[in-house]
Amino acid sequence: IATDGIRFAEMSVLFAGTAIVYGEFIQA
């Protein structure tokens, strides 16, 4: 809510056509 709807589990970055999900790490 404070960050305008950002969900950690869904955070990822595309690198060479592959999604690297770093949001789950932040959640852990």
PDB file of all heavy atoms in Angstrom:
ATOM      1  N   ILE A   1       0.842  -1.196   0.000  1.00  0.00           N
ATOM      2  CA  ILE A   1       0.000   0.000   0.000  1.00  0.00           C
ATOM      3  C   ILE A   1       0.884   1.255   0.000  1.00  0.00           C
ATOM      4  O   ILE A   1       0.624   2.213  -0.731  1.00  0.00           O
ATOM      5  CB  ILE A   1      -0.957  -0.001   1.208  1.00  0.00           C
ATOM      6  CG1 ILE A   1      -2.007  -1.098   1.044  1.00  0.00           C
ATOM      7  CG2 ILE A   1      -1.628   1.352   1.381  1.00  0.00           C
ATOM      8  CD1 ILE A   1      -2.820  -1.351   2.298  1.00  0.00           C
ATOM      9  N   ALA A   2       1.940   1.229   0.811  1.00  0.00           N
ATOM     10  CA  ALA A   2       2.821   2.398   0.921  1.00  0.00           C
ATOM     11  C   ALA A   2       3.623   2.635  -0.352  1.00  0.00           C
ATOM     12  O   ALA A   2       4.009   3.763  -0.639  1.00  0.00           O
ATOM     13  CB  ALA A   2       3.761   2.223   2.111  1.00  0.00           C
ATOM     14  N   THR A   3       3.872   1.577  -1.134  1.00  0.00           N
ATOM     15  CA  THR A   3       4.674   1.722  -2.356  1.00  0.00           C
ATOM     16  C   THR A   3       3.811   1.679  -3.606  1.00  0.00           C
ATOM     17  O   THR A   3       4.297   1.310  -4.678  1.00  0.00           O
ATOM     18  CB  THR A   3       5.743   0.626  -2.421  1.00  0.00           C
ATOM     19  OG1 THR A   3       5.105  -0.645  -2.356  1.00  0.00           O
ATOM     20  CG2 THR A   3       6.748   0.761  -1.304  1.00  0.00           C
ATOM     21  N   ASP A   4       2.545   2.010  -3.468  1.00  0.00           N
ATOM     22  CA  ASP A   4       1.618   2.116  -4.587  1.00  0.00           C
ATOM     23  C   ASP A   4       1.396   0.779  -5.313  1.00  0.00           C
ATOM     24  O   ASP A   4       1.418   0.705  -6.530  1.00  0.00           O
ATOM     25  CB  ASP A   4       2.096   3.190  -5.572  1.00  0.00           C
ATOM     26  CG  ASP A   4       0.957   3.709  -6.444  1.00  0.00           C
ATOM     27  OD1 ASP A   4      -0.208   3.629  -6.008  1.00  0.00           O
ATOM     28  OD2 ASP A   4       1.254   4.186  -7.560  1.00  0.00           O
ATOM     29  N   GLY A   5       1.199  -0.288  -4.544  1.00  0.00           N
ATOM     30  CA  GLY A   5       0.777  -1.568  -5.106  1.00  0.00           C
ATOM     31  C   GLY A   5       1.863  -2.511  -5.557  1.00  0.00           C
ATOM     32  O   GLY A   5       1.578  -3.486  -6.258  1.00  0.00           O
ATOM     33  N   ILE A   6       3.096  -2.307  -5.162  1.00  0.00           N
ATOM     34  CA  ILE A   6       4.173  -3.228  -5.553  1.00  0.00           C
ATOM     35  C   ILE A   6       4.056  -4.499  -4.716  1.00  0.00           C
ATOM     36  O   ILE A   6       3.934  -4.453  -3.502  1.00  0.00           O
ATOM     37  CB  ILE A   6       5.559  -2.578  -5.346  1.00  0.00           C
ATOM     38  CG1 ILE A   6       5.734  -1.393  -6.270  1.00  0.00           C
ATOM     39  CG2 ILE A   6       6.663  -3.592  -5.552  1.00  0.00           C
ATOM     40  CD1 ILE A   6       7.014  -0.620  -6.038  1.00  0.00           C
ATOM     41  N   ARG A   7       4.095  -5.651  -5.363  1.00  0.00           N
ATOM     42  CA  ARG A   7       4.066  -6.945  -4.684  1.00  0.00           C
ATOM     43  C   ARG A   7       5.434  -7.592  -4.830  1.00  0.00           C
ATOM     44  O   ARG A   7       5.948  -7.744  -5.928  1.00  0.00           O
ATOM     45  CB  ARG A   7       2.991  -7.840  -5.275  1.00  0.00           C
ATOM     46  CG  ARG A   7       1.607  -7.272  -5.136  1.00  0.00           C
ATOM     47  CD  ARG A   7       0.659  -8.398  -4.768  1.00  0.00           C
ATOM     48  NE  ARG A   7      -0.655  -7.854  -4.503  1.00  0.00           N
ATOM     49  CZ  ARG A   7      -1.149  -7.731  -3.280  1.00  0.00           C
ATOM     50  NH1 ARG A   7      -0.458  -8.109  -2.257  1.00  0.00           N
ATOM     51  NH2 ARG A   7      -2.348  -7.242  -3.096  1.00  0.00           N
ATOM     52  N   PHE A   8       6.005  -7.986  -3.699  1.00  0.00           N
ATOM     53  CA  PHE A   8       7.353  -8.554  -3.722  1.00  0.00           C
ATOM     54  C   PHE A   8       7.426  -9.841  -4.525  1.00  0.00           C
ATOM     55  O   PHE A   8       8.368 -10.052  -5.287  1.00  0.00           O
ATOM     56  CB  PHE A   8       7.850  -8.829  -2.296  1.00  0.00           C
ATOM     57  CG  PHE A   8       8.177  -7.578  -1.530  1.00  0.00           C
ATOM     58  CD1 PHE A   8       7.506  -7.264  -0.372  1.00  0.00           C
ATOM     59  CD2 PHE A   8       9.163  -6.721  -1.976  1.00  0.00           C
ATOM     60  CE1 PHE A   8       7.806  -6.116   0.327  1.00  0.00           C
ATOM     61  CE2 PHE A   8       9.476  -5.568  -1.279  1.00  0.00           C
ATOM     62  CZ  PHE A   8       8.786  -5.268  -0.121  1.00  0.00           C
ATOM     63  N   ALA A   9       6.471 -10.727  -4.330  1.00  0.00           N
ATOM     64  CA  ALA A   9       6.525 -12.043  -4.976  1.00  0.00           C
ATOM     65  C   ALA A   9       6.502 -11.935  -6.499  1.00  0.00           C
ATOM     66  O   ALA A   9       6.982 -12.825  -7.196  1.00  0.00           O
ATOM     67  CB  ALA A   9       5.372 -12.909  -4.493  1.00  0.00           C
ATOM     68  N   GLU A  10       5.962 -10.856  -7.015  1.00  0.00           N
ATOM     69  CA  GLU A  10       5.864 -10.694  -8.466  1.00  0.00           C
ATOM     70  C   GLU A  10       7.022  -9.897  -9.061  1.00  0.00           C
ATOM     71  O   GLU A  10       7.079  -9.715 -10.272  1.00  0.00           O
ATOM     72  CB  GLU A  10       4.539 -10.013  -8.809  1.00  0.00           C
ATOM     73  CG  GLU A  10       3.325 -10.820  -8.373  1.00  0.00           C
ATOM     74  CD  GLU A  10       2.034 -10.036  -8.478  1.00  0.00           C
ATOM     75  OE1 GLU A  10       2.078  -8.847  -8.858  1.00  0.00           O
ATOM     76  OE2 GLU A  10       0.992 -10.610  -8.153  1.00  0.00           O
ATOM     77  N   MET A  11       7.939  -9.445  -8.261  1.00  0.00           N
ATOM     78  CA  MET A  11       9.053  -8.636  -8.758  1.00  0.00           C
ATOM     79  C   MET A  11      10.045  -9.526  -9.504  1.00  0.00           C
ATOM     80  O   MET A  11      10.467 -10.567  -8.996  1.00  0.00           O
ATOM     81  CB  MET A  11       9.754  -7.917  -7.603  1.00  0.00           C
ATOM     82  CG  MET A  11       8.886  -6.894  -6.898  1.00  0.00           C
ATOM     83  SD  MET A  11       9.712  -6.202  -5.477  1.00  0.00           S
ATOM     84  CE  MET A  11      10.379  -4.730  -6.219  1.00  0.00           C
ATOM     85  N   SER A  12      10.383  -9.128 -10.709  1.00  0.00           N
ATOM     86  CA  SER A  12      11.341  -9.890 -11.509  1.00  0.00           C
ATOM     87  C   SER A  12      11.988  -8.965 -12.523  1.00  0.00           C
ATOM     88  O   SER A  12      11.536  -7.851 -12.759  1.00  0.00           O
ATOM     89  CB  SER A  12      10.650 -11.058 -12.205  1.00  0.00           C
ATOM     90  OG  SER A  12       9.698 -10.568 -13.136  1.00  0.00           O
ATOM     91  N   VAL A  13      13.036  -9.460 -13.125  1.00  0.00           N
ATOM     92  CA  VAL A  13      13.723  -8.724 -14.168  1.00  0.00           C
ATOM     93  C   VAL A  13      14.000  -9.701 -15.317  1.00  0.00           C
ATOM     94  O   VAL A  13      14.277 -10.874 -15.084  1.00  0.00           O
ATOM     95  CB  VAL A  13      15.021  -8.077 -13.621  1.00  0.00           C
ATOM     96  CG1 VAL A  13      16.083  -9.105 -13.340  1.00  0.00           C
ATOM     97  CG2 VAL A  13      15.542  -7.021 -14.549  1.00  0.00           C
ATOM     98  N   LEU A  14      13.860  -9.216 -16.531  1.00  0.00           N
ATOM     99  CA  LEU A  14      14.139 -10.056 -17.693  1.00  0.00           C
ATOM    100  C   LEU A  14      15.611  -9.943 -18.050  1.00  0.00           C
ATOM    101  O   LEU A  14      16.147  -8.839 -18.201  1.00  0.00           O
ATOM    102  CB  LEU A  14      13.283  -9.637 -18.885  1.00  0.00           C
ATOM    103  CG  LEU A  14      11.819 -10.031 -18.824  1.00  0.00           C
ATOM    104  CD1 LEU A  14      11.068  -9.423 -20.000  1.00  0.00           C
ATOM    105  CD2 LEU A  14      11.670 -11.535 -18.823  1.00  0.00           C
ATOM    106  N   PHE A  15      16.264 -11.083 -18.168  1.00  0.00           N
ATOM    107  CA  PHE A  15      17.674 -11.111 -18.523  1.00  0.00           C
ATOM    108  C   PHE A  15      17.896 -12.232 -19.537  1.00  0.00           C
ATOM    109  O   PHE A  15      17.672 -13.399 -19.230  1.00  0.00           O
ATOM    110  CB  PHE A  15      18.530 -11.341 -17.270  1.00  0.00           C
ATOM    111  CG  PHE A  15      19.998 -11.317 -17.540  1.00  0.00           C
ATOM    112  CD1 PHE A  15      20.646 -10.114 -17.807  1.00  0.00           C
ATOM    113  CD2 PHE A  15      20.744 -12.480 -17.524  1.00  0.00           C
ATOM    114  CE1 PHE A  15      22.002 -10.087 -18.050  1.00  0.00           C
ATOM    115  CE2 PHE A  15      22.102 -12.450 -17.772  1.00  0.00           C
ATOM    116  CZ  PHE A  15      22.728 -11.248 -18.030  1.00  0.00           C
ATOM    117  N   ALA A  16      18.248 -11.868 -20.724  1.00  0.00           N
ATOM    118  CA  ALA A  16      18.495 -12.811 -21.824  1.00  0.00           C
ATOM    119  C   ALA A  16      17.271 -13.696 -22.065  1.00  0.00           C
ATOM    120  O   ALA A  16      17.373 -14.902 -22.229  1.00  0.00           O
ATOM    121  CB  ALA A  16      19.737 -13.655 -21.546  1.00  0.00           C
ATOM    122  N   GLY A  17      16.107 -13.097 -22.017  1.00  0.00           N
ATOM    123  CA  GLY A  17      14.879 -13.828 -22.282  1.00  0.00           C
ATOM    124  C   GLY A  17      14.370 -14.669 -21.137  1.00  0.00           C
ATOM    125  O   GLY A  17      13.399 -15.391 -21.267  1.00  0.00           O
ATOM    126  N   THR A  18      15.022 -14.581 -19.974  1.00  0.00           N
ATOM    127  CA  THR A  18      14.607 -15.362 -18.803  1.00  0.00           C
ATOM    128  C   THR A  18      14.238 -14.402 -17.683  1.00  0.00           C
ATOM    129  O   THR A  18      14.949 -13.420 -17.424  1.00  0.00           O
ATOM    130  CB  THR A  18      15.763 -16.268 -18.328  1.00  0.00           C
ATOM    131  OG1 THR A  18      16.183 -17.092 -19.410  1.00  0.00           O
ATOM    132  CG2 THR A  18      15.338 -17.139 -17.172  1.00  0.00           C
ATOM    133  N   ALA A  19      13.139 -14.710 -17.021  1.00  0.00           N
ATOM    134  CA  ALA A  19      12.708 -13.871 -15.896  1.00  0.00           C
ATOM    135  C   ALA A  19      13.431 -14.328 -14.634  1.00  0.00           C
ATOM    136  O   ALA A  19      13.370 -15.494 -14.249  1.00  0.00           O
ATOM    137  CB  ALA A  19      11.205 -13.987 -15.696  1.00  0.00           C
ATOM    138  N   ILE A  20      14.147 -13.399 -14.028  1.00  0.00           N
ATOM    139  CA  ILE A  20      14.802 -13.668 -12.743  1.00  0.00           C
ATOM    140  C   ILE A  20      13.919 -13.063 -11.667  1.00  0.00           C
ATOM    141  O   ILE A  20      13.766 -11.847 -11.578  1.00  0.00           O
ATOM    142  CB  ILE A  20      16.216 -13.054 -12.707  1.00  0.00           C
ATOM    143  CG1 ILE A  20      17.069 -13.684 -13.804  1.00  0.00           C
ATOM    144  CG2 ILE A  20      16.838 -13.265 -11.330  1.00  0.00           C
ATOM    145  CD1 ILE A  20      18.428 -13.052 -13.941  1.00  0.00           C
ATOM    146  N   VAL A  21      13.321 -13.950 -10.865  1.00  0.00           N
ATOM    147  CA  VAL A  21      12.371 -13.521  -9.838  1.00  0.00           C
ATOM    148  C   VAL A  21      13.152 -13.251  -8.552  1.00  0.00           C
ATOM    149  O   VAL A  21      13.542 -14.166  -7.849  1.00  0.00           O
ATOM    150  CB  VAL A  21      11.283 -14.599  -9.614  1.00  0.00           C
ATOM    151  CG1 VAL A  21      10.271 -14.124  -8.593  1.00  0.00           C
ATOM    152  CG2 VAL A  21      10.605 -14.949 -10.919  1.00  0.00           C
ATOM    153  N   TYR A  22      13.397 -11.997  -8.275  1.00  0.00           N
ATOM    154  CA  TYR A  22      14.111 -11.618  -7.058  1.00  0.00           C
ATOM    155  C   TYR A  22      13.144 -11.216  -5.946  1.00  0.00           C
ATOM    156  O   TYR A  22      13.528 -11.090  -4.789  1.00  0.00           O
ATOM    157  CB  TYR A  22      15.116 -10.503  -7.329  1.00  0.00           C
ATOM    158  CG  TYR A  22      14.495  -9.201  -7.782  1.00  0.00           C
ATOM    159  CD1 TYR A  22      14.132  -8.233  -6.857  1.00  0.00           C
ATOM    160  CD2 TYR A  22      14.278  -8.942  -9.131  1.00  0.00           C
ATOM    161  CE1 TYR A  22      13.569  -7.043  -7.268  1.00  0.00           C
ATOM    162  CE2 TYR A  22      13.715  -7.757  -9.545  1.00  0.00           C
ATOM    163  CZ  TYR A  22      13.359  -6.811  -8.616  1.00  0.00           C
ATOM    164  OH  TYR A  22      12.793  -5.630  -9.022  1.00  0.00           O
ATOM    165  N   GLY A  23      11.888 -11.044  -6.264  1.00  0.00           N
ATOM    166  CA  GLY A  23      10.894 -10.661  -5.255  1.00  0.00           C
ATOM    167  C   GLY A  23      10.674 -11.740  -4.215  1.00  0.00           C
ATOM    168  O   GLY A  23      10.451 -11.445  -3.047  1.00  0.00           O
ATOM    169  N   GLU A  24      10.759 -13.000  -4.622  1.00  0.00           N
ATOM    170  CA  GLU A  24      10.616 -14.089  -3.655  1.00  0.00           C
ATOM    171  C   GLU A  24      11.761 -14.083  -2.652  1.00  0.00           C
ATOM    172  O   GLU A  24      11.586 -14.400  -1.481  1.00  0.00           O
ATOM    173  CB  GLU A  24      10.543 -15.428  -4.384  1.00  0.00           C
ATOM    174  CG  GLU A  24       9.255 -15.595  -5.168  1.00  0.00           C
ATOM    175  CD  GLU A  24       9.191 -16.914  -5.909  1.00  0.00           C
ATOM    176  OE1 GLU A  24      10.033 -17.805  -5.658  1.00  0.00           O
ATOM    177  OE2 GLU A  24       8.283 -17.063  -6.740  1.00  0.00           O
ATOM    178  N   PHE A  25      12.950 -13.698  -3.124  1.00  0.00           N
ATOM    179  CA  PHE A  25      14.092 -13.582  -2.211  1.00  0.00           C
ATOM    180  C   PHE A  25      13.838 -12.472  -1.187  1.00  0.00           C
ATOM    181  O   PHE A  25      14.100 -12.650   0.003  1.00  0.00           O
ATOM    182  CB  PHE A  25      15.373 -13.295  -2.995  1.00  0.00           C
ATOM    183  CG  PHE A  25      16.556 -13.047  -2.110  1.00  0.00           C
ATOM    184  CD1 PHE A  25      17.169 -14.087  -1.443  1.00  0.00           C
ATOM    185  CD2 PHE A  25      17.059 -11.760  -1.942  1.00  0.00           C
ATOM    186  CE1 PHE A  25      18.263 -13.853  -0.625  1.00  0.00           C
ATOM    187  CE2 PHE A  25      18.141 -11.519  -1.126  1.00  0.00           C
ATOM    188  CZ  PHE A  25      18.752 -12.570  -0.473  1.00  0.00           C
ATOM    189  N   ILE A  26      13.332 -11.348  -1.654  1.00  0.00           N
ATOM    190  CA  ILE A  26      13.013 -10.246  -0.739  1.00  0.00           C
ATOM    191  C   ILE A  26      11.965 -10.697   0.271  1.00  0.00           C
ATOM    192  O   ILE A  26      12.067 -10.411   1.469  1.00  0.00           O
ATOM    193  CB  ILE A  26      12.544  -9.000  -1.521  1.00  0.00           C
ATOM    194  CG1 ILE A  26      13.691  -8.444  -2.366  1.00  0.00           C
ATOM    195  CG2 ILE A  26      12.015  -7.933  -0.569  1.00  0.00           C
ATOM    196  CD1 ILE A  26      13.279  -7.334  -3.294  1.00  0.00           C
ATOM    197  N   GLN A  27      10.972 -11.445  -0.178  1.00  0.00           N
ATOM    198  CA  GLN A  27       9.926 -11.980   0.704  1.00  0.00           C
ATOM    199  C   GLN A  27      10.538 -12.923   1.741  1.00  0.00           C
ATOM    200  O   GLN A  27      10.188 -12.868   2.920  1.00  0.00           O
ATOM    201  CB  GLN A  27       8.874 -12.719  -0.132  1.00  0.00           C
ATOM    202  CG  GLN A  27       7.714 -13.250   0.660  1.00  0.00           C
ATOM    203  CD  GLN A  27       6.730 -12.175   1.031  1.00  0.00           C
ATOM    204  OE1 GLN A  27       6.578 -11.199   0.316  1.00  0.00           O
ATOM    205  NE2 GLN A  27       6.066 -12.357   2.148  1.00  0.00           N
ATOM    206  N   ALA A  28      11.471 -13.784   1.327  1.00  0.00           N
ATOM    207  CA  ALA A  28      12.113 -14.717   2.248  1.00  0.00           C
ATOM    208  C   ALA A  28      12.964 -13.989   3.286  1.00  0.00           C
ATOM    209  O   ALA A  28      12.977 -14.360   4.465  1.00  0.00           O
ATOM    210  CB  ALA A  28      12.964 -15.718   1.472  1.00  0.00           C
TER     211      ALA A  28
END
